[in-house]
Amino acid sequence: MLQPLLPKAASTVRPPRDQRQVFDRIWRRARTGPPWREVPERYGPWQSAYAMFRRRKIDDTWAMVMNNLQVKADAARAYRVGGLG
């Protein structure tokens, strides 16, 4: 669901990090609230997750993602209750 809403990664010399792992670390921190360094290492390096979180916050990607997901949820709810069907 998120993939189409996110900006394309810039072309770099090194291969891209597993984005799912980085997002899992961001979501884990958002749900539980620990400092970045205390999120379990199985979610990847904390520096990568923090850097992506910060970049996306600065460029308002998170706000755009939330708005798009809310529109989709509202449309699905309206369809289920018969508002658009």
PDB file of N, CA and C in Angstrom:
ATOM      1  N   MET A   1       0.810  -1.207   0.000  1.00  0.00           N
ATOM      2  CA  MET A   1       0.000   0.000   0.000  1.00  0.00           C
ATOM      3  C   MET A   1       0.850   1.268   0.000  1.00  0.00           C
ATOM      4  N   LEU A   2       1.949   1.217   0.725  1.00  0.00           N
ATOM      5  CA  LEU A   2       2.783   2.416   0.841  1.00  0.00           C
ATOM      6  C   LEU A   2       3.653   2.663  -0.377  1.00  0.00           C
ATOM      7  N   GLN A   3       4.087   1.608  -1.040  1.00  0.00           N
ATOM      8  CA  GLN A   3       5.061   1.739  -2.121  1.00  0.00           C
ATOM      9  C   GLN A   3       4.698   2.807  -3.163  1.00  0.00           C
ATOM     10  N   PRO A   4       3.466   2.831  -3.681  1.00  0.00           N
ATOM     11  CA  PRO A   4       3.142   3.854  -4.683  1.00  0.00           C
ATOM     12  C   PRO A   4       3.118   5.278  -4.132  1.00  0.00           C
ATOM     13  N   LEU A   5       2.993   5.421  -2.822  1.00  0.00           N
ATOM     14  CA  LEU A   5       2.906   6.753  -2.220  1.00  0.00           C
ATOM     15  C   LEU A   5       4.260   7.366  -1.909  1.00  0.00           C
ATOM     16  N   LEU A   6       5.302   6.547  -1.902  1.00  0.00           N
ATOM     17  CA  LEU A   6       6.621   7.023  -1.502  1.00  0.00           C
ATOM     18  C   LEU A   6       7.430   7.507  -2.694  1.00  0.00           C
ATOM     19  N   PRO A   7       8.280   8.505  -2.481  1.00  0.00           N
ATOM     20  CA  PRO A   7       9.138   8.984  -3.572  1.00  0.00           C
ATOM     21  C   PRO A   7      10.141   7.907  -3.971  1.00  0.00           C
ATOM     22  N   LYS A   8      10.540   7.924  -5.213  1.00  0.00           N
ATOM     23  CA  LYS A   8      11.532   6.971  -5.706  1.00  0.00           C
ATOM     24  C   LYS A   8      12.881   7.267  -5.069  1.00  0.00           C
ATOM     25  N   ALA A   9      13.624   6.206  -4.776  1.00  0.00           N
ATOM     26  CA  ALA A   9      14.952   6.362  -4.189  1.00  0.00           C
ATOM     27  C   ALA A   9      15.894   6.972  -5.214  1.00  0.00           C
ATOM     28  N   ALA A  10      16.766   7.828  -4.740  1.00  0.00           N
ATOM     29  CA  ALA A  10      17.763   8.435  -5.621  1.00  0.00           C
ATOM     30  C   ALA A  10      18.752   7.365  -6.074  1.00  0.00           C
ATOM     31  N   SER A  11      19.234   7.498  -7.261  1.00  0.00           N
ATOM     32  CA  SER A  11      20.220   6.549  -7.785  1.00  0.00           C
ATOM     33  C   SER A  11      21.542   6.749  -7.047  1.00  0.00           C
ATOM     34  N   THR A  12      22.057   5.662  -6.493  1.00  0.00           N
ATOM     35  CA  THR A  12      23.305   5.732  -5.750  1.00  0.00           C
ATOM     36  C   THR A  12      24.242   4.639  -6.229  1.00  0.00           C
ATOM     37  N   VAL A  13      25.479   4.722  -5.800  1.00  0.00           N
ATOM     38  CA  VAL A  13      26.470   3.723  -6.182  1.00  0.00           C
ATOM     39  C   VAL A  13      26.218   2.417  -5.447  1.00  0.00           C
ATOM     40  N   ARG A  14      25.857   2.502  -4.164  1.00  0.00           N
ATOM     41  CA  ARG A  14      25.632   1.284  -3.395  1.00  0.00           C
ATOM     42  C   ARG A  14      24.191   0.806  -3.577  1.00  0.00           C
ATOM     43  N   PRO A  15      23.962  -0.489  -3.412  1.00  0.00           N
ATOM     44  CA  PRO A  15      22.594  -1.002  -3.565  1.00  0.00           C
ATOM     45  C   PRO A  15      21.695  -0.476  -2.459  1.00  0.00           C
ATOM     46  N   PRO A  16      20.411  -0.307  -2.724  1.00  0.00           N
ATOM     47  CA  PRO A  16      19.517   0.229  -1.705  1.00  0.00           C
ATOM     48  C   PRO A  16      19.307  -0.750  -0.557  1.00  0.00           C
ATOM     49  N   ARG A  17      19.087  -0.221   0.625  1.00  0.00           N
ATOM     50  CA  ARG A  17      18.787  -1.026   1.814  1.00  0.00           C
ATOM     51  C   ARG A  17      17.368  -1.572   1.683  1.00  0.00           C
ATOM     52  N   ASP A  18      17.108  -2.679   2.332  1.00  0.00           N
ATOM     53  CA  ASP A  18      15.763  -3.243   2.358  1.00  0.00           C
ATOM     54  C   ASP A  18      14.819  -2.227   3.013  1.00  0.00           C
ATOM     55  N   GLN A  19      14.004  -1.571   2.211  1.00  0.00           N
ATOM     56  CA  GLN A  19      13.140  -0.505   2.703  1.00  0.00           C
ATOM     57  C   GLN A  19      12.090  -1.019   3.678  1.00  0.00           C
ATOM     58  N   ARG A  20      11.638  -2.256   3.487  1.00  0.00           N
ATOM     59  CA  ARG A  20      10.637  -2.814   4.397  1.00  0.00           C
ATOM     60  C   ARG A  20      11.196  -2.883   5.822  1.00  0.00           C
ATOM     61  N   GLN A  21      12.440  -3.302   5.939  1.00  0.00           N
ATOM     62  CA  GLN A  21      13.078  -3.409   7.251  1.00  0.00           C
ATOM     63  C   GLN A  21      13.177  -2.027   7.909  1.00  0.00           C
ATOM     64  N   VAL A  22      13.540  -1.036   7.121  1.00  0.00           N
ATOM     65  CA  VAL A  22      13.665   0.327   7.660  1.00  0.00           C
ATOM     66  C   VAL A  22      12.294   0.844   8.099  1.00  0.00           C
ATOM     67  N   PHE A  23      11.256   0.633   7.279  1.00  0.00           N
ATOM     68  CA  PHE A  23       9.911   1.074   7.653  1.00  0.00           C
ATOM     69  C   PHE A  23       9.412   0.342   8.888  1.00  0.00           C
ATOM     70  N   ASP A  24       9.726  -0.951   8.985  1.00  0.00           N
ATOM     71  CA  ASP A  24       9.326  -1.694  10.175  1.00  0.00           C
ATOM     72  C   ASP A  24       9.939  -1.080  11.431  1.00  0.00           C
ATOM     73  N   ARG A  25      11.175  -0.640  11.329  1.00  0.00           N
ATOM     74  CA  ARG A  25      11.834  -0.010  12.483  1.00  0.00           C
ATOM     75  C   ARG A  25      11.150   1.319  12.829  1.00  0.00           C
ATOM     76  N   ILE A  26      10.804   2.098  11.816  1.00  0.00           N
ATOM     77  CA  ILE A  26      10.121   3.374  12.047  1.00  0.00           C
ATOM     78  C   ILE A  26       8.760   3.125  12.700  1.00  0.00           C
ATOM     79  N   TRP A  27       7.984   2.171  12.162  1.00  0.00           N
ATOM     80  CA  TRP A  27       6.657   1.892  12.718  1.00  0.00           C
ATOM     81  C   TRP A  27       6.777   1.362  14.145  1.00  0.00           C
ATOM     82  N   ARG A  28       7.769   0.508  14.386  1.00  0.00           N
ATOM     83  CA  ARG A  28       7.969  -0.035  15.738  1.00  0.00           C
ATOM     84  C   ARG A  28       8.225   1.107  16.731  1.00  0.00           C
ATOM     85  N   ARG A  29       9.083   2.034  16.334  1.00  0.00           N
ATOM     86  CA  ARG A  29       9.378   3.151  17.227  1.00  0.00           C
ATOM     87  C   ARG A  29       8.142   4.020  17.434  1.00  0.00           C
ATOM     88  N   ALA A  30       7.386   4.252  16.367  1.00  0.00           N
ATOM     89  CA  ALA A  30       6.185   5.080  16.479  1.00  0.00           C
ATOM     90  C   ALA A  30       5.151   4.438  17.412  1.00  0.00           C
ATOM     91  N   ARG A  31       5.030   3.119  17.366  1.00  0.00           N
ATOM     92  CA  ARG A  31       4.048   2.431  18.209  1.00  0.00           C
ATOM     93  C   ARG A  31       4.475   2.360  19.664  1.00  0.00           C
ATOM     94  N   THR A  32       5.759   2.093  19.912  1.00  0.00           N
ATOM     95  CA  THR A  32       6.196   1.832  21.284  1.00  0.00           C
ATOM     96  C   THR A  32       6.883   3.016  21.941  1.00  0.00           C
ATOM     97  N   GLY A  33       7.462   3.929  21.149  1.00  0.00           N
ATOM     98  CA  GLY A  33       8.038   5.152  21.681  1.00  0.00           C
ATOM     99  C   GLY A  33       9.436   5.095  22.267  1.00  0.00           C
ATOM    100  N   PRO A  34      10.232   4.039  22.044  1.00  0.00           N
ATOM    101  CA  PRO A  34      11.577   4.046  22.626  1.00  0.00           C
ATOM    102  C   PRO A  34      12.509   4.969  21.848  1.00  0.00           C
ATOM    103  N   PRO A  35      13.648   5.317  22.422  1.00  0.00           N
ATOM    104  CA  PRO A  35      14.650   6.050  21.642  1.00  0.00           C
ATOM    105  C   PRO A  35      15.072   5.210  20.428  1.00  0.00           C
ATOM    106  N   TRP A  36      15.512   5.868  19.384  1.00  0.00           N
ATOM    107  CA  TRP A  36      15.893   5.167  18.149  1.00  0.00           C
ATOM    108  C   TRP A  36      16.875   4.035  18.414  1.00  0.00           C
ATOM    109  N   ARG A  37      17.848   4.267  19.279  1.00  0.00           N
ATOM    110  CA  ARG A  37      18.886   3.263  19.529  1.00  0.00           C
ATOM    111  C   ARG A  37      18.345   2.018  20.226  1.00  0.00           C
ATOM    112  N   GLU A  38      17.188   2.091  20.843  1.00  0.00           N
ATOM    113  CA  GLU A  38      16.650   0.956  21.591  1.00  0.00           C
ATOM    114  C   GLU A  38      15.677   0.090  20.803  1.00  0.00           C
ATOM    115  N   VAL A  39      15.366   0.468  19.570  1.00  0.00           N
ATOM    116  CA  VAL A  39      14.530  -0.396  18.739  1.00  0.00           C
ATOM    117  C   VAL A  39      15.383  -1.606  18.360  1.00  0.00           C
ATOM    118  N   PRO A  40      14.833  -2.829  18.424  1.00  0.00           N
ATOM    119  CA  PRO A  40      15.641  -4.028  18.184  1.00  0.00           C
ATOM    120  C   PRO A  40      16.414  -3.994  16.863  1.00  0.00           C
ATOM    121  N   GLU A  41      17.613  -4.521  16.898  1.00  0.00           N
ATOM    122  CA  GLU A  41      18.517  -4.517  15.742  1.00  0.00           C
ATOM    123  C   GLU A  41      17.955  -5.326  14.574  1.00  0.00           C
ATOM    124  N   ARG A  42      17.030  -6.252  14.832  1.00  0.00           N
ATOM    125  CA  ARG A  42      16.473  -7.046  13.727  1.00  0.00           C
ATOM    126  C   ARG A  42      15.764  -6.168  12.694  1.00  0.00           C
ATOM    127  N   TYR A  43      15.465  -4.931  13.081  1.00  0.00           N
ATOM    128  CA  TYR A  43      14.844  -3.978  12.161  1.00  0.00           C
ATOM    129  C   TYR A  43      15.874  -3.161  11.388  1.00  0.00           C
ATOM    130  N   GLY A  44      17.137  -3.503  11.528  1.00  0.00           N
ATOM    131  CA  GLY A  44      18.198  -2.800  10.814  1.00  0.00           C
ATOM    132  C   GLY A  44      18.833  -1.714  11.670  1.00  0.00           C
ATOM    133  N   PRO A  45      19.871  -1.082  11.136  1.00  0.00           N
ATOM    134  CA  PRO A  45      20.579  -0.039  11.886  1.00  0.00           C
ATOM    135  C   PRO A  45      19.660   1.147  12.213  1.00  0.00           C
ATOM    136  N   TRP A  46      19.739   1.621  13.427  1.00  0.00           N
ATOM    137  CA  TRP A  46      18.869   2.726  13.828  1.00  0.00           C
ATOM    138  C   TRP A  46      19.168   3.979  13.029  1.00  0.00           C
ATOM    139  N   GLN A  47      20.436   4.166  12.621  1.00  0.00           N
ATOM    140  CA  GLN A  47      20.812   5.372  11.878  1.00  0.00           C
ATOM    141  C   GLN A  47      20.077   5.443  10.530  1.00  0.00           C
ATOM    142  N   SER A  48      19.920   4.295   9.876  1.00  0.00           N
ATOM    143  CA  SER A  48      19.215   4.264   8.589  1.00  0.00           C
ATOM    144  C   SER A  48      17.752   4.633   8.762  1.00  0.00           C
ATOM    145  N   ALA A  49      17.116   4.057   9.770  1.00  0.00           N
ATOM    146  CA  ALA A  49      15.704   4.349  10.003  1.00  0.00           C
ATOM    147  C   ALA A  49      15.507   5.823  10.369  1.00  0.00           C
ATOM    148  N   TYR A  50      16.372   6.329  11.247  1.00  0.00           N
ATOM    149  CA  TYR A  50      16.232   7.725  11.656  1.00  0.00           C
ATOM    150  C   TYR A  50      16.453   8.666  10.466  1.00  0.00           C
ATOM    151  N   ALA A  51      17.467   8.371   9.652  1.00  0.00           N
ATOM    152  CA  ALA A  51      17.756   9.235   8.500  1.00  0.00           C
ATOM    153  C   ALA A  51      16.574   9.262   7.538  1.00  0.00           C
ATOM    154  N   MET A  52      15.981   8.098   7.267  1.00  0.00           N
ATOM    155  CA  MET A  52      14.829   8.066   6.367  1.00  0.00           C
ATOM    156  C   MET A  52      13.642   8.788   6.995  1.00  0.00           C
ATOM    157  N   PHE A  53      13.391   8.535   8.267  1.00  0.00           N
ATOM    158  CA  PHE A  53      12.287   9.203   8.952  1.00  0.00           C
ATOM    159  C   PHE A  53      12.437  10.721   8.866  1.00  0.00           C
ATOM    160  N   ARG A  54      13.629  11.195   9.148  1.00  0.00           N
ATOM    161  CA  ARG A  54      13.898  12.641   9.143  1.00  0.00           C
ATOM    162  C   ARG A  54      13.730  13.248   7.753  1.00  0.00           C
ATOM    163  N   ARG A  55      14.299  12.575   6.733  1.00  0.00           N
ATOM    164  CA  ARG A  55      14.153  13.070   5.352  1.00  0.00           C
ATOM    165  C   ARG A  55      12.691  13.163   4.958  1.00  0.00           C
ATOM    166  N   ARG A  56      11.936  12.117   5.270  1.00  0.00           N
ATOM    167  CA  ARG A  56      10.517  12.089   4.892  1.00  0.00           C
ATOM    168  C   ARG A  56       9.697  13.091   5.692  1.00  0.00           C
ATOM    169  N   LYS A  57      10.105  13.394   6.894  1.00  0.00           N
ATOM    170  CA  LYS A  57       9.408  14.410   7.685  1.00  0.00           C
ATOM    171  C   LYS A  57       9.655  15.799   7.102  1.00  0.00           C
ATOM    172  N   ILE A  58      10.891  16.072   6.748  1.00  0.00           N
ATOM    173  CA  ILE A  58      11.246  17.381   6.197  1.00  0.00           C
ATOM    174  C   ILE A  58      10.530  17.648   4.877  1.00  0.00           C
ATOM    175  N   ASP A  59      10.440  16.618   4.016  1.00  0.00           N
ATOM    176  CA  ASP A  59       9.804  16.847   2.710  1.00  0.00           C
ATOM    177  C   ASP A  59       8.286  16.593   2.726  1.00  0.00           C
ATOM    178  N   ASP A  60       7.703  16.434   3.928  1.00  0.00           N
ATOM    179  CA  ASP A  60       6.257  16.246   4.128  1.00  0.00           C
ATOM    180  C   ASP A  60       5.700  14.963   3.519  1.00  0.00           C
ATOM    181  N   THR A  61       6.549  13.985   3.277  1.00  0.00           N
ATOM    182  CA  THR A  61       6.076  12.715   2.739  1.00  0.00           C
ATOM    183  C   THR A  61       5.113  12.051   3.712  1.00  0.00           C
ATOM    184  N   TRP A  62       5.426  12.068   5.014  1.00  0.00           N
ATOM    185  CA  TRP A  62       4.561  11.401   5.987  1.00  0.00           C
ATOM    186  C   TRP A  62       3.164  12.012   5.977  1.00  0.00           C
ATOM    187  N   ALA A  63       3.068  13.325   5.899  1.00  0.00           N
ATOM    188  CA  ALA A  63       1.753  13.975   5.862  1.00  0.00           C
ATOM    189  C   ALA A  63       0.992  13.579   4.601  1.00  0.00           C
ATOM    190  N   MET A  64       1.678  13.529   3.468  1.00  0.00           N
ATOM    191  CA  MET A  64       1.045  13.143   2.215  1.00  0.00           C
ATOM    192  C   MET A  64       0.572  11.688   2.270  1.00  0.00           C
ATOM    193  N   VAL A  65       1.403  10.801   2.831  1.00  0.00           N
ATOM    194  CA  VAL A  65       1.023   9.389   2.958  1.00  0.00           C
ATOM    195  C   VAL A  65      -0.214   9.262   3.837  1.00  0.00           C
ATOM    196  N   MET A  66      -0.212   9.918   4.982  1.00  0.00           N
ATOM    197  CA  MET A  66      -1.368   9.844   5.885  1.00  0.00           C
ATOM    198  C   MET A  66      -2.634  10.384   5.228  1.00  0.00           C
ATOM    199  N   ASN A  67      -2.523  11.481   4.508  1.00  0.00           N
ATOM    200  CA  ASN A  67      -3.691  12.033   3.819  1.00  0.00           C
ATOM    201  C   ASN A  67      -4.227  11.060   2.776  1.00  0.00           C
ATOM    202  N   ASN A  68      -3.342  10.466   1.989  1.00  0.00           N
ATOM    203  CA  ASN A  68      -3.769   9.509   0.966  1.00  0.00           C
ATOM    204  C   ASN A  68      -4.406   8.269   1.583  1.00  0.00           C
ATOM    205  N   LEU A  69      -3.811   7.749   2.639  1.00  0.00           N
ATOM    206  CA  LEU A  69      -4.389   6.584   3.304  1.00  0.00           C
ATOM    207  C   LEU A  69      -5.745   6.916   3.917  1.00  0.00           C
ATOM    208  N   GLN A  70      -5.895   8.127   4.460  1.00  0.00           N
ATOM    209  CA  GLN A  70      -7.176   8.530   5.031  1.00  0.00           C
ATOM    210  C   GLN A  70      -8.253   8.640   3.959  1.00  0.00           C
ATOM    211  N   VAL A  71      -7.900   9.189   2.804  1.00  0.00           N
ATOM    212  CA  VAL A  71      -8.858   9.284   1.699  1.00  0.00           C
ATOM    213  C   VAL A  71      -9.303   7.892   1.266  1.00  0.00           C
ATOM    214  N   LYS A  72      -8.350   6.956   1.156  1.00  0.00           N
ATOM    215  CA  LYS A  72      -8.699   5.585   0.767  1.00  0.00           C
ATOM    216  C   LYS A  72      -9.590   4.922   1.819  1.00  0.00           C
ATOM    217  N   ALA A  73      -9.275   5.129   3.091  1.00  0.00           N
ATOM    218  CA  ALA A  73     -10.085   4.547   4.161  1.00  0.00           C
ATOM    219  C   ALA A  73     -11.493   5.140   4.157  1.00  0.00           C
ATOM    220  N   ASP A  74     -11.598   6.436   3.966  1.00  0.00           N
ATOM    221  CA  ASP A  74     -12.909   7.086   3.925  1.00  0.00           C
ATOM    222  C   ASP A  74     -13.730   6.580   2.742  1.00  0.00           C
ATOM    223  N   ALA A  75     -13.084   6.420   1.584  1.00  0.00           N
ATOM    224  CA  ALA A  75     -13.783   5.918   0.400  1.00  0.00           C
ATOM    225  C   ALA A  75     -14.260   4.480   0.619  1.00  0.00           C
ATOM    226  N   ALA A  76     -13.417   3.651   1.243  1.00  0.00           N
ATOM    227  CA  ALA A  76     -13.807   2.267   1.517  1.00  0.00           C
ATOM    228  C   ALA A  76     -14.970   2.225   2.501  1.00  0.00           C
ATOM    229  N   ARG A  77     -14.938   3.075   3.518  1.00  0.00           N
ATOM    230  CA  ARG A  77     -16.020   3.131   4.501  1.00  0.00           C
ATOM    231  C   ARG A  77     -17.312   3.579   3.837  1.00  0.00           C
ATOM    232  N   ALA A  78     -17.250   4.593   2.990  1.00  0.00           N
ATOM    233  CA  ALA A  78     -18.441   5.083   2.297  1.00  0.00           C
ATOM    234  C   ALA A  78     -19.016   4.004   1.392  1.00  0.00           C
ATOM    235  N   TYR A  79     -18.160   3.252   0.737  1.00  0.00           N
ATOM    236  CA  TYR A  79     -18.610   2.176  -0.146  1.00  0.00           C
ATOM    237  C   TYR A  79     -19.313   1.081   0.660  1.00  0.00           C
ATOM    238  N   ARG A  80     -18.724   0.733   1.846  1.00  0.00           N
ATOM    239  CA  ARG A  80     -19.285  -0.333   2.676  1.00  0.00           C
ATOM    240  C   ARG A  80     -20.658   0.044   3.221  1.00  0.00           C
ATOM    241  N   VAL A  81     -20.863   1.284   3.544  1.00  0.00           N
ATOM    242  CA  VAL A  81     -22.156   1.691   4.117  1.00  0.00           C
ATOM    243  C   VAL A  81     -23.145   2.101   3.044  1.00  0.00           C
ATOM    244  N   GLY A  82     -22.773   1.994   1.795  1.00  0.00           N
ATOM    245  CA  GLY A  82     -23.703   2.257   0.707  1.00  0.00           C
ATOM    246  C   GLY A  82     -23.709   3.673   0.197  1.00  0.00           C
ATOM    247  N   GLY A  83     -22.797   4.495   0.642  1.00  0.00           N
ATOM    248  CA  GLY A  83     -22.769   5.877   0.206  1.00  0.00           C
ATOM    249  C   GLY A  83     -22.379   6.048  -1.250  1.00  0.00           C
ATOM    250  N   LEU A  84     -21.541   5.147  -1.768  1.00  0.00           N
ATOM    251  CA  LEU A  84     -21.106   5.271  -3.168  1.00  0.00           C
ATOM    252  C   LEU A  84     -21.518   4.087  -4.010  1.00  0.00           C
ATOM    253  N   GLY A  85     -22.138   3.084  -3.454  1.00  0.00           N
ATOM    254  CA  GLY A  85     -22.444   1.857  -4.187  1.00  0.00           C
ATOM    255  C   GLY A  85     -23.814   1.805  -4.603  1.00  0.00           C
TER     256      GLY A  85
END
